[in-house]
C-alpha atoms as a PDB file:
ATOM      1  CA  MET A   1      -3.594  -9.180 -13.228  1.00  0.00           C
ATOM      2  CA  LYS A   2      -1.402  -6.715 -15.185  1.00  0.00           C
ATOM      3  CA  THR A   3       2.286  -7.639 -15.453  1.00  0.00           C
ATOM      4  CA  ILE A   4       4.833  -4.668 -14.281  1.00  0.00           C
ATOM      5  CA  LYS A   5       5.682  -4.176 -17.945  1.00  0.00           C
ATOM      6  CA  GLU A   6       1.977  -3.843 -18.885  1.00  0.00           C
ATOM      7  CA  VAL A   7       1.413  -1.183 -16.161  1.00  0.00           C
ATOM      8  CA  ARG A   8       4.818   0.652 -17.072  1.00  0.00           C
ATOM      9  CA  ASP A   9       3.936   0.740 -20.776  1.00  0.00           C
ATOM     10  CA  LEU A  10       0.339   2.276 -20.184  1.00  0.00           C
ATOM     11  CA  ILE A  11       1.722   4.653 -17.824  1.00  0.00           C
ATOM     12  CA  ASN A  12       4.472   5.813 -20.392  1.00  0.00           C
ATOM     13  CA  ASN A  13       1.891   5.784 -23.342  1.00  0.00           C
ATOM     14  CA  THR A  14      -0.146   7.785 -21.298  1.00  0.00           C
ATOM     15  CA  LEU A  15       2.275  10.450 -20.388  1.00  0.00           C
ATOM     16  CA  ALA A  16       3.390  10.765 -24.003  1.00  0.00           C
ATOM     17  CA  GLU A  17       0.194  12.032 -25.141  1.00  0.00           C
ATOM     18  CA  GLN A  18      -1.304  15.601 -24.536  1.00  0.00           C
ATOM     19  CA  LEU A  19      -2.310  15.947 -21.075  1.00  0.00           C
ATOM     20  CA  ASN A  20      -4.717  17.633 -18.615  1.00  0.00           C
ATOM     21  CA  LEU A  21      -4.124  17.844 -14.654  1.00  0.00           C
ATOM     22  CA  TYR A  22      -6.574  18.232 -11.865  1.00  0.00           C
ATOM     23  CA  LEU A  23      -5.427  18.836  -8.625  1.00  0.00           C
ATOM     24  CA  TYR A  24      -8.067  17.645  -5.641  1.00  0.00           C
ATOM     25  CA  LEU A  25      -7.642  18.543  -1.900  1.00  0.00           C
ATOM     26  CA  GLY A  26      -8.977  16.158   0.763  1.00  0.00           C
ATOM     27  CA  VAL A  27     -10.528  17.883   3.629  1.00  0.00           C
ATOM     28  CA  LYS A  28     -11.644  16.360   6.827  1.00  0.00           C
ATOM     29  CA  ASP A  29     -15.399  16.816   7.328  1.00  0.00           C
ATOM     30  CA  LYS A  30     -16.475  19.252  10.151  1.00  0.00           C
ATOM     31  CA  ASP A  31     -18.605  16.598  11.548  1.00  0.00           C
ATOM     32  CA  ILE A  32     -16.213  15.172  13.914  1.00  0.00           C
ATOM     33  CA  ASN A  33     -18.072  11.659  13.754  1.00  0.00           C
ATOM     34  CA  ASN A  34     -17.233  11.306  10.050  1.00  0.00           C
ATOM     35  CA  LYS A  35     -13.906  10.357   9.556  1.00  0.00           C
ATOM     36  CA  GLU A  36     -13.941  10.289   5.772  1.00  0.00           C
ATOM     37  CA  LEU A  37     -12.316  13.122   3.698  1.00  0.00           C
ATOM     38  CA  LYS A  38     -14.159  15.177   1.200  1.00  0.00           C
ATOM     39  CA  TYR A  39     -12.444  16.335  -1.824  1.00  0.00           C
ATOM     40  CA  PHE A  40     -12.551  19.682  -3.519  1.00  0.00           C
ATOM     41  CA  HIS A  41     -11.099  20.763  -6.952  1.00  0.00           C
ATOM     42  CA  ALA A  42      -8.319  23.206  -6.470  1.00  0.00           C
ATOM     43  CA  ASP A  43      -8.745  26.177  -8.878  1.00  0.00           C
ATOM     44  CA  LEU A  44      -5.229  26.529 -10.304  1.00  0.00           C
ATOM     45  CA  ASP A  45      -3.876  29.160 -12.821  1.00  0.00           C
ATOM     46  CA  ALA A  46      -2.358  28.036 -16.053  1.00  0.00           C
ATOM     47  CA  LYS A  47       1.336  28.390 -14.620  1.00  0.00           C
ATOM     48  CA  SER A  48       0.721  26.407 -11.465  1.00  0.00           C
ATOM     49  CA  THR A  49      -1.137  23.584 -13.293  1.00  0.00           C
ATOM     50  CA  GLU A  50       1.716  23.461 -15.883  1.00  0.00           C
ATOM     51  CA  SER A  51       4.438  23.257 -13.143  1.00  0.00           C
ATOM     52  CA  ILE A  52       2.495  20.664 -11.181  1.00  0.00           C
ATOM     53  CA  LEU A  53       1.979  18.623 -14.138  1.00  0.00           C
ATOM     54  CA  LYS A  54       5.641  18.571 -15.160  1.00  0.00           C
ATOM     55  CA  GLU A  55       6.811  17.786 -11.622  1.00  0.00           C
ATOM     56  CA  TYR A  56       4.497  14.982 -11.377  1.00  0.00           C
ATOM     57  CA  THR A  57       5.207  13.422 -14.757  1.00  0.00           C
ATOM     58  CA  THR A  58       8.995  13.644 -13.968  1.00  0.00           C
ATOM     59  CA  SER A  59       8.501  11.849 -10.877  1.00  0.00           C
ATOM     60  CA  ILE A  60       6.213   9.083 -12.124  1.00  0.00           C
ATOM     61  CA  LYS A  61       8.589   8.386 -15.093  1.00  0.00           C
ATOM     62  CA  SER A  62      11.604   8.303 -12.635  1.00  0.00           C
ATOM     63  CA  TYR A  63       9.787   5.908 -10.292  1.00  0.00           C
ATOM     64  CA  TYR A  64       8.610   3.581 -13.300  1.00  0.00           C
ATOM     65  CA  SER A  65      12.048   3.671 -14.800  1.00  0.00           C
ATOM     66  CA  ASN A  66      13.450   1.463 -11.942  1.00  0.00           C
ATOM     67  CA  ASN A  67      14.090  -1.778 -13.840  1.00  0.00           C
ATOM     68  CA  ASP A  68      14.131  -3.523 -10.650  1.00  0.00           C
ATOM     69  CA  LEU A  69      10.474  -2.917  -9.661  1.00  0.00           C
ATOM     70  CA  SER A  70       8.146  -5.713  -9.395  1.00  0.00           C
ATOM     71  CA  LEU A  71       4.412  -6.043  -8.923  1.00  0.00           C
ATOM     72  CA  LEU A  72       2.731  -8.304  -6.521  1.00  0.00           C
ATOM     73  CA  PRO A  73      -1.023  -8.564  -5.242  1.00  0.00           C
ATOM     74  CA  LEU A  74      -1.049  -7.102  -1.705  1.00  0.00           C
ATOM     75  CA  SER A  75      -2.051 -10.632  -0.571  1.00  0.00           C
ATOM     76  CA  GLU A  76       1.268 -11.975  -1.437  1.00  0.00           C
ATOM     77  CA  VAL A  77       3.343  -9.127  -0.261  1.00  0.00           C
ATOM     78  CA  ASP A  78       7.050 -10.328   0.866  1.00  0.00           C
ATOM     79  CA  ALA A  79      10.262  -8.537   2.094  1.00  0.00           C
ATOM     80  CA  ARG A  80      11.330  -7.275  -1.424  1.00  0.00           C
ATOM     81  CA  SER A  81      11.767  -3.467  -1.401  1.00  0.00           C
ATOM     82  CA  ASP A  82      11.182  -2.467  -5.044  1.00  0.00           C
ATOM     83  CA  VAL A  83       7.628  -3.462  -5.225  1.00  0.00           C
ATOM     84  CA  LEU A  84       4.287  -2.036  -6.278  1.00  0.00           C
ATOM     85  CA  LEU A  85       1.528  -3.892  -4.546  1.00  0.00           C
ATOM     86  CA  LYS A  86      -1.992  -4.224  -6.249  1.00  0.00           C
ATOM     87  CA  TYR A  87      -5.007  -4.282  -3.812  1.00  0.00           C
ATOM     88  CA  ASP A  88      -6.702  -7.592  -4.256  1.00  0.00           C
ATOM     89  CA  PHE A  89      -8.680  -8.060  -1.070  1.00  0.00           C
ATOM     90  CA  HIS A  90     -12.483  -8.304  -1.190  1.00  0.00           C
ATOM     91  CA  GLU A  91     -13.069  -5.946   1.571  1.00  0.00           C
ATOM     92  CA  GLN A  92     -11.958  -2.331   0.726  1.00  0.00           C
ATOM     93  CA  PRO A  93     -11.054   0.988   2.535  1.00  0.00           C
ATOM     94  CA  ALA A  94     -14.069   3.352   2.771  1.00  0.00           C
ATOM     95  CA  ALA A  95     -12.044   5.921   0.792  1.00  0.00           C
ATOM     96  CA  PHE A  96     -11.777   3.791  -2.188  1.00  0.00           C
ATOM     97  CA  PRO A  97     -14.957   4.618  -3.893  1.00  0.00           C
ATOM     98  CA  HIS A  98     -14.421   8.340  -3.392  1.00  0.00           C
ATOM     99  CA  LEU A  99     -11.196   8.115  -5.280  1.00  0.00           C
ATOM    100  CA  LEU A 100     -12.902   6.426  -8.165  1.00  0.00           C
ATOM    101  CA  LYS A 101     -15.314   9.125  -8.557  1.00  0.00           C
ATOM    102  CA  LEU A 102     -12.469  11.433  -8.972  1.00  0.00           C
ATOM    103  CA  CYS A 103     -11.140   9.341 -11.827  1.00  0.00           C
ATOM    104  CA  ASP A 104     -14.671   9.522 -13.358  1.00  0.00           C
ATOM    105  CA  LYS A 105     -15.712  12.670 -14.993  1.00  0.00           C
ATOM    106  CA  GLN A 106     -17.717  13.691 -12.103  1.00  0.00           C
ATOM    107  CA  ASN A 107     -16.787  17.163 -11.037  1.00  0.00           C
ATOM    108  CA  ALA A 108     -15.786  17.834  -7.480  1.00  0.00           C
ATOM    109  CA  PRO A 109     -17.196  21.102  -5.791  1.00  0.00           C
ATOM    110  CA  ILE A 110     -14.470  24.085  -6.045  1.00  0.00           C
ATOM    111  CA  PHE A 111     -12.273  24.313  -2.744  1.00  0.00           C
ATOM    112  CA  ASN A 112     -13.605  27.786  -1.293  1.00  0.00           C
ATOM    113  CA  PHE A 113     -11.346  29.791   1.039  1.00  0.00           C
ATOM    114  CA  ALA A 114     -14.414  31.164   2.467  1.00  0.00           C
ATOM    115  CA  ASP A 115     -15.078  28.227   4.808  1.00  0.00           C
ATOM    116  CA  LYS A 116     -11.586  26.225   4.257  1.00  0.00           C
ATOM    117  CA  GLY A 117      -8.028  27.058   4.737  1.00  0.00           C
ATOM    118  CA  ILE A 118      -4.818  25.638   3.397  1.00  0.00           C
ATOM    119  CA  LEU A 119      -4.047  24.051   6.878  1.00  0.00           C
ATOM    120  CA  ASP A 120      -7.522  21.972   6.598  1.00  0.00           C
ATOM    121  CA  VAL A 121      -5.982  19.988   3.512  1.00  0.00           C
ATOM    122  CA  LYS A 122      -4.896  16.510   4.575  1.00  0.00           C
ATOM    123  CA  THR A 123      -4.456  14.776   1.215  1.00  0.00           C
ATOM    124  CA  LEU A 124      -3.785  15.306  -2.391  1.00  0.00           C
ATOM    125  CA  ALA A 125      -5.122  13.553  -5.320  1.00  0.00           C
ATOM    126  CA  ILE A 126      -3.477  14.512  -8.776  1.00  0.00           C
ATOM    127  CA  LYS A 127      -5.737  13.274 -11.743  1.00  0.00           C
ATOM    128  CA  ILE A 128      -3.610  13.059 -15.081  1.00  0.00           C
ATOM    129  CA  SER A 129      -5.669  12.490 -18.296  1.00  0.00           C
ATOM    130  CA  SER A 130      -5.260  12.074 -21.809  1.00  0.00           C
ATOM    131  CA  ALA A 131      -8.133  11.703 -24.190  1.00  0.00           C
ATOM    132  CA  LYS A 132      -8.098   8.025 -23.525  1.00  0.00           C
ATOM    133  CA  THR A 133      -7.026   7.465 -19.962  1.00  0.00           C
ATOM    134  CA  SER A 134      -7.291   8.932 -16.532  1.00  0.00           C
ATOM    135  CA  ILE A 135      -4.756   8.243 -13.707  1.00  0.00           C
ATOM    136  CA  LEU A 136      -5.073   9.393 -10.325  1.00  0.00           C
ATOM    137  CA  PHE A 137      -2.227   9.764  -7.830  1.00  0.00           C
ATOM    138  CA  PHE A 138      -2.808   9.942  -4.290  1.00  0.00           C
ATOM    139  CA  LYS A 139      -0.691  11.293  -1.691  1.00  0.00           C
ATOM    140  CA  GLN A 140      -0.666  11.872   2.246  1.00  0.00           C
ATOM    141  CA  LEU A 141       0.205  15.357   3.304  1.00  0.00           C
ATOM    142  CA  TYR A 142       2.531  15.766   6.219  1.00  0.00           C
ATOM    143  CA  PRO A 143       3.349  18.657   8.434  1.00  0.00           C
ATOM    144  CA  VAL A 144       6.492  19.686   6.521  1.00  0.00           C
ATOM    145  CA  SER A 145       4.384  20.275   3.107  1.00  0.00           C
ATOM    146  CA  LEU A 146       2.266  22.988   5.207  1.00  0.00           C
ATOM    147  CA  VAL A 147       3.830  26.227   6.038  1.00  0.00           C
ATOM    148  CA  LYS A 148       1.739  28.172   8.645  1.00  0.00           C
ATOM    149  CA  GLN A 149       1.316  31.786   8.583  1.00  0.00           C
ATOM    150  CA  ASN A 150       2.871  32.149  12.088  1.00  0.00           C
ATOM    151  CA  GLN A 151       6.365  31.893  10.730  1.00  0.00           C
ATOM    152  CA  ILE A 152       8.365  34.773   9.199  1.00  0.00           C
ATOM    153  CA  LEU A 153       8.398  34.031   5.383  1.00  0.00           C
ATOM    154  CA  LEU A 154       9.851  36.347   2.894  1.00  0.00           C
ATOM    155  CA  MET A 155       9.786  36.709  -0.825  1.00  0.00           C
ATOM    156  CA  LYS A 156      11.408  38.712  -3.695  1.00  0.00           C
ATOM    157  CA  PHE A 157       9.331  41.558  -4.550  1.00  0.00           C
ATOM    158  CA  ASP A 158      10.820  43.721  -7.212  1.00  0.00           C
ATOM    159  CA  GLU A 159      14.196  44.370  -5.496  1.00  0.00           C
ATOM    160  CA  ARG A 160      13.023  44.125  -2.049  1.00  0.00           C
ATOM    161  CA  PHE A 161      11.827  41.474   0.442  1.00  0.00           C
ATOM    162  CA  GLN A 162       8.280  41.197   1.305  1.00  0.00           C
ATOM    163  CA  SER A 163       6.573  39.189   3.938  1.00  0.00           C
ATOM    164  CA  VAL A 164       4.096  36.311   2.753  1.00  0.00           C
ATOM    165  CA  GLU A 165       0.814  36.823   4.316  1.00  0.00           C
ATOM    166  CA  SER A 166      -0.808  33.407   4.284  1.00  0.00           C
ATOM    167  CA  ASP A 167      -0.316  29.828   4.695  1.00  0.00           C
ATOM    168  CA  ILE A 168       1.577  28.006   2.021  1.00  0.00           C
ATOM    169  CA  LEU A 169       0.874  24.505   0.598  1.00  0.00           C
ATOM    170  CA  LYS A 170       4.104  22.783  -0.831  1.00  0.00           C
ATOM    171  CA  ILE A 171       3.293  20.258  -3.720  1.00  0.00           C
ATOM    172  CA  SER A 172       6.229  17.853  -4.849  1.00  0.00           C
ATOM    173  CA  GLY A 173       6.256  14.768  -6.839  1.00  0.00           C
ATOM    174  CA  GLY A 174       5.708  11.171  -5.811  1.00  0.00           C
ATOM    175  CA  PHE A 175       2.517   9.102  -4.811  1.00  0.00           C
ATOM    176  CA  ASP A 176       1.364   6.716  -2.190  1.00  0.00           C
ATOM    177  CA  LEU A 177      -1.462   5.131  -4.300  1.00  0.00           C
ATOM    178  CA  MET A 178      -2.357   5.071  -7.747  1.00  0.00           C
ATOM    179  CA  VAL A 179      -5.680   4.615  -9.244  1.00  0.00           C
ATOM    180  CA  LEU A 180      -5.638   2.938 -12.564  1.00  0.00           C
ATOM    181  CA  GLY A 181      -8.943   1.983 -14.254  1.00  0.00           C
ATOM    182  CA  ASN A 182     -10.804   0.173 -11.297  1.00  0.00           C
ATOM    183  CA  ASP A 183      -7.251  -0.958  -9.706  1.00  0.00           C
ATOM    184  CA  PHE A 184      -5.584   0.376  -6.750  1.00  0.00           C
ATOM    185  CA  TYR A 185      -1.772   0.375  -6.616  1.00  0.00           C
ATOM    186  CA  ILE A 186       0.262   0.866  -3.354  1.00  0.00           C
ATOM    187  CA  THR A 187       3.915   1.954  -2.970  1.00  0.00           C
ATOM    188  CA  SER A 188       4.207   1.767   0.613  1.00  0.00           C
ATOM    189  CA  LEU A 189       2.221  -0.754   2.757  1.00  0.00           C
ATOM    190  CA  LYS A 190       3.334   1.294   5.995  1.00  0.00           C
ATOM    191  CA  LYS A 191       1.969   4.546   4.500  1.00  0.00           C
ATOM    192  CA  PHE A 192      -1.087   2.845   2.902  1.00  0.00           C
ATOM    193  CA  GLU A 193      -2.362   1.194   6.449  1.00  0.00           C
ATOM    194  CA  SER A 194      -2.037   4.796   8.074  1.00  0.00           C
ATOM    195  CA  SER A 195      -3.654   6.749   5.130  1.00  0.00           C
ATOM    196  CA  PHE A 196      -6.591   4.375   4.696  1.00  0.00           C
ATOM    197  CA  ASN A 197      -7.162   3.077   8.201  1.00  0.00           C
ATOM    198  CA  PHE A 198      -6.293  -0.512   6.628  1.00  0.00           C
ATOM    199  CA  PHE A 199      -5.678  -1.875  10.346  1.00  0.00           C
ATOM    200  CA  GLN A 200      -9.016  -3.151  10.920  1.00  0.00           C
ATOM    201  CA  ILE A 201      -9.243  -5.131   7.522  1.00  0.00           C
ATOM    202  CA  ALA A 202      -5.801  -6.434   7.996  1.00  0.00           C
ATOM    203  CA  LYS A 203      -6.808  -7.388  11.530  1.00  0.00           C
ATOM    204  CA  ASP A 204      -9.877  -9.319  10.245  1.00  0.00           C
ATOM    205  CA  ILE A 205      -7.736 -10.936   7.888  1.00  0.00           C
ATOM    206  CA  GLN A 206      -5.406 -12.170  10.244  1.00  0.00           C
ATOM    207  CA  GLN A 207      -7.883 -13.542  12.661  1.00  0.00           C
ATOM    208  CA  LYS A 208      -9.753 -15.507   9.840  1.00  0.00           C
ATOM    209  CA  THR A 209      -6.466 -16.925   8.872  1.00  0.00           C
ATOM    210  CA  SER A 210      -5.559 -18.099  12.153  1.00  0.00           C
ATOM    211  CA  LYS A 211      -8.942 -19.860  12.413  1.00  0.00           C
ATOM    212  CA  ASN A 212      -8.604 -21.540   9.210  1.00  0.00           C
ATOM    213  CA  ILE A 213      -5.141 -22.996  10.438  1.00  0.00           C
ATOM    214  CA  LEU A 214      -6.414 -23.983  13.418  1.00  0.00           C
ATOM    215  CA  ALA A 215      -9.282 -25.844  11.889  1.00  0.00           C
ATOM    216  CA  LEU A 216      -6.780 -27.982   9.923  1.00  0.00           C
ATOM    217  CA  GLY A 217      -6.216 -29.705  13.279  1.00  0.00           C
ATOM    218  CA  ILE A 218      -2.378 -30.036  13.070  1.00  0.00           C
ATOM    219  CA  VAL A 219      -1.371 -27.602  15.589  1.00  0.00           C
ATOM    220  CA  ASP A 220      -1.720 -26.874  19.307  1.00  0.00           C
ATOM    221  CA  ASP A 221      -1.610 -23.355  19.848  1.00  0.00           C
ATOM    222  CA  VAL A 222      -0.558 -23.895  23.515  1.00  0.00           C
ATOM    223  CA  LEU A 223      -0.115 -20.108  24.668  1.00  0.00           C
ATOM    224  CA  ASN A 224      -2.565 -18.720  21.827  1.00  0.00           C
ATOM    225  CA  TYR A 225       0.051 -17.021  20.155  1.00  0.00           C
ATOM    226  CA  LEU A 226      -1.351 -17.801  16.917  1.00  0.00           C
ATOM    227  CA  ALA A 227      -4.917 -16.808  17.617  1.00  0.00           C
ATOM    228  CA  ASP A 228      -3.775 -13.334  19.086  1.00  0.00           C
ATOM    229  CA  GLY A 229      -2.178 -12.434  16.056  1.00  0.00           C
ATOM    230  CA  ILE A 230       1.598 -11.887  17.002  1.00  0.00           C
ATOM    231  CA  VAL A 231       2.565 -12.788  13.412  1.00  0.00           C
ATOM    232  CA  PRO A 232       3.489  -9.966  11.033  1.00  0.00           C
ATOM    233  CA  LYS A 233       0.605  -9.126   8.587  1.00  0.00           C
ATOM    234  CA  ARG A 234       2.336  -9.593   5.525  1.00  0.00           C
ATOM    235  CA  ASP A 235       3.236 -13.036   6.350  1.00  0.00           C
ATOM    236  CA  MET A 236      -0.413 -13.809   7.377  1.00  0.00           C
ATOM    237  CA  PHE A 237      -1.650 -12.239   4.028  1.00  0.00           C
ATOM    238  CA  ARG A 238       0.424 -14.935   2.323  1.00  0.00           C
ATOM    239  CA  VAL A 239      -0.932 -17.843   4.250  1.00  0.00           C
ATOM    240  CA  ALA A 240      -4.166 -16.838   3.605  1.00  0.00           C
ATOM    241  CA  LYS A 241      -3.586 -17.875  -0.145  1.00  0.00           C
ATOM    242  CA  SER A 242      -0.941 -20.698   0.825  1.00  0.00           C
ATOM    243  CA  GLU A 243      -1.289 -23.835  -1.271  1.00  0.00           C
ATOM    244  CA  ILE A 244      -0.197 -25.976   1.481  1.00  0.00           C
ATOM    245  CA  VAL A 245      -3.220 -24.503   3.894  1.00  0.00           C
ATOM    246  CA  ASN A 246      -5.473 -25.019   0.889  1.00  0.00           C
ATOM    247  CA  ASN A 247      -4.418 -28.421   0.740  1.00  0.00           C
ATOM    248  CA  GLY A 248      -5.309 -29.249   4.325  1.00  0.00           C
ATOM    249  CA  GLY A 249      -1.571 -28.868   5.641  1.00  0.00           C
ATOM    250  CA  ILE A 250      -0.460 -32.378   3.846  1.00  0.00           C
ATOM    251  CA  GLY A 251       3.217 -32.899   4.534  1.00  0.00           C
ATOM    252  CA  ILE A 252       3.668 -30.423   7.475  1.00  0.00           C
ATOM    253  CA  LEU A 253       3.609 -32.982  10.176  1.00  0.00           C
ATOM    254  CA  ASN A 254       6.313 -35.251   8.184  1.00  0.00           C
ATOM    255  CA  PHE A 255       8.310 -32.401   7.401  1.00  0.00           C
ATOM    256  CA  VAL A 256       8.388 -31.393  11.196  1.00  0.00           C
ATOM    257  CA  ILE A 257       9.071 -34.656  12.459  1.00  0.00           C
ATOM    258  CA  ASN A 258      11.995 -35.133   9.979  1.00  0.00           C
ATOM    259  CA  ASN A 259      13.422 -31.854  10.805  1.00  0.00           C
ATOM    260  CA  LYS A 260      12.899 -31.524  14.629  1.00  0.00           C
ATOM    261  CA  THR A 261      16.427 -30.577  15.614  1.00  0.00           C
ATOM    262  CA  ARG A 262      16.693 -27.934  12.704  1.00  0.00           C
ATOM    263  CA  PHE A 263      13.381 -26.115  13.528  1.00  0.00           C
ATOM    264  CA  LYS A 264      13.123 -26.957  17.309  1.00  0.00           C
ATOM    265  CA  LEU A 265       9.585 -27.938  16.898  1.00  0.00           C
ATOM    266  CA  SER A 266       7.885 -31.013  18.691  1.00  0.00           C
ATOM    267  CA  VAL A 267       4.907 -33.239  17.527  1.00  0.00           C
ATOM    268  CA  VAL A 268       2.676 -34.634  20.469  1.00  0.00           C
ATOM    269  CA  ASN A 269      -0.432 -36.586  19.791  1.00  0.00           C
ATOM    270  CA  GLY A 270      -0.160 -35.619  16.077  1.00  0.00           C
ATOM    271  CA  LYS A 271      -0.146 -31.836  16.466  1.00  0.00           C
ATOM    272  CA  ILE A 272       2.669 -29.442  16.138  1.00  0.00           C
ATOM    273  CA  GLN A 273       3.143 -27.800  19.528  1.00  0.00           C
ATOM    274  CA  LEU A 274       3.290 -24.140  19.198  1.00  0.00           C
ATOM    275  CA  THR A 275       4.669 -23.114  22.605  1.00  0.00           C
ATOM    276  CA  SER A 276       6.605 -19.958  21.857  1.00  0.00           C
ATOM    277  CA  LYS A 277       6.278 -16.795  19.669  1.00  0.00           C
ATOM    278  CA  GLU A 278       9.334 -18.033  17.866  1.00  0.00           C
ATOM    279  CA  SER A 279       7.769 -21.388  17.205  1.00  0.00           C
ATOM    280  CA  VAL A 280       4.618 -19.674  15.804  1.00  0.00           C
ATOM    281  CA  LYS A 281       6.651 -17.603  13.331  1.00  0.00           C
ATOM    282  CA  THR A 282       8.632 -20.790  12.320  1.00  0.00           C
ATOM    283  CA  PHE A 283       5.611 -22.476  11.518  1.00  0.00           C
ATOM    284  CA  ILE A 284       3.957 -19.810   9.541  1.00  0.00           C
ATOM    285  CA  LYS A 285       7.137 -19.625   7.418  1.00  0.00           C
ATOM    286  CA  MET A 286       6.645 -23.335   6.758  1.00  0.00           C
ATOM    287  CA  LEU A 287       2.926 -22.507   5.569  1.00  0.00           C
ATOM    288  CA  ASN A 288       4.358 -20.048   3.329  1.00  0.00           C
ATOM    289  CA  ASP A 289       7.049 -22.301   1.785  1.00  0.00           C
ATOM    290  CA  ASP A 290       9.791 -20.205   2.815  1.00  0.00           C
ATOM    291  CA  TYR A 291      12.187 -22.813   3.648  1.00  0.00           C
ATOM    292  CA  LEU A 292      13.886 -23.914   0.453  1.00  0.00           C
ATOM    293  CA  LYS A 293      16.590 -26.255  -0.551  1.00  0.00           C
ATOM    294  CA  SER A 294      19.183 -25.742  -3.534  1.00  0.00           C
ATOM    295  CA  ASP A 295      19.044 -28.757  -5.856  1.00  0.00           C
ATOM    296  CA  ILE A 296      22.531 -27.725  -6.997  1.00  0.00           C
ATOM    297  CA  SER A 297      24.465 -27.059  -3.627  1.00  0.00           C
ATOM    298  CA  GLY A 298      22.161 -28.765  -1.194  1.00  0.00           C
ATOM    299  CA  TYR A 299      22.234 -25.851   1.153  1.00  0.00           C
ATOM    300  CA  ASN A 300      18.973 -25.051   3.030  1.00  0.00           C
ATOM    301  CA  TYR A 301      17.643 -21.283   2.573  1.00  0.00           C
ATOM    302  CA  ASP A 302      15.263 -19.145   4.511  1.00  0.00           C
ATOM    303  CA  SER A 303      13.783 -17.047   1.573  1.00  0.00           C
ATOM    304  CA  LEU A 304      12.676 -13.520   1.990  1.00  0.00           C
ATOM    305  CA  ALA A 305      11.230 -13.205  -1.662  1.00  0.00           C
ATOM    306  CA  LYS A 306      10.550 -15.554  -4.051  1.00  0.00           C
ATOM    307  CA  ASP A 307       9.006 -15.980  -7.468  1.00  0.00           C
ATOM    308  CA  LYS A 308       7.455 -19.026  -8.694  1.00  0.00           C
ATOM    309  CA  MET A 309       8.961 -20.779 -11.499  1.00  0.00           C
ATOM    310  CA  SER A 310       6.743 -22.794 -14.118  1.00  0.00           C
END
């Protein structure tokens, strides 16, 4: 996986070259049984192309100029805020192949106002290309970006006001997802879940991980809270790759026995008793190695985010 420096350098080097911009509009299929979007190429004049390119390159440079920005695999997402997430699960959202096609040199059909309108547009995909590299930036459209014709809108025409007789699409900088090569990078897990219907994939990962934990034979899920998935998704994502789980939970039982008062967990017949939602969350944090102790001060910490040191 690339480092944040490698991603940042590739972005900055690409944006420093002579660029072309292509705007694609995501429109819902008229077949109500098909939830996937179809993408159409927006036919832009030179001035509009230049304005959008300037807006987007400025916002992208601003995003990557944040020195606190870090890069994590989605499977290792934690509580840090300034983070870019690389999608690394085997199962992918159905929209990913369509976005990859837009990154290639395959041409999308032109957006035709004869059978579509501005209010049909649900998403934007902005492709910025140099001679060597194409980068696609995906953005979900919200109602604030669409100005309907049922409002009274005035614009300057010569020295008078004139009403605008059409719907308006507002385009601003920023992105929810970036496609670079064959890799997908996410700026917000919450927006990603909504835009790409990630809920089912996340649920499947949670259920599979819960089964793997129960298969270790070290817990008694008394009220089925673990099996029912009450733990936050991001915590279960990390558990799926936890070295403690992959090592069979070695050390967890002794850790709980030696810290019964501190964590309010009990062991009966060789199994940790998960009798409440809080006990399940505490146990999951143990599997994620979130409880740390300082070698210097001796203090114990509940870590919200950590970087592994060699």
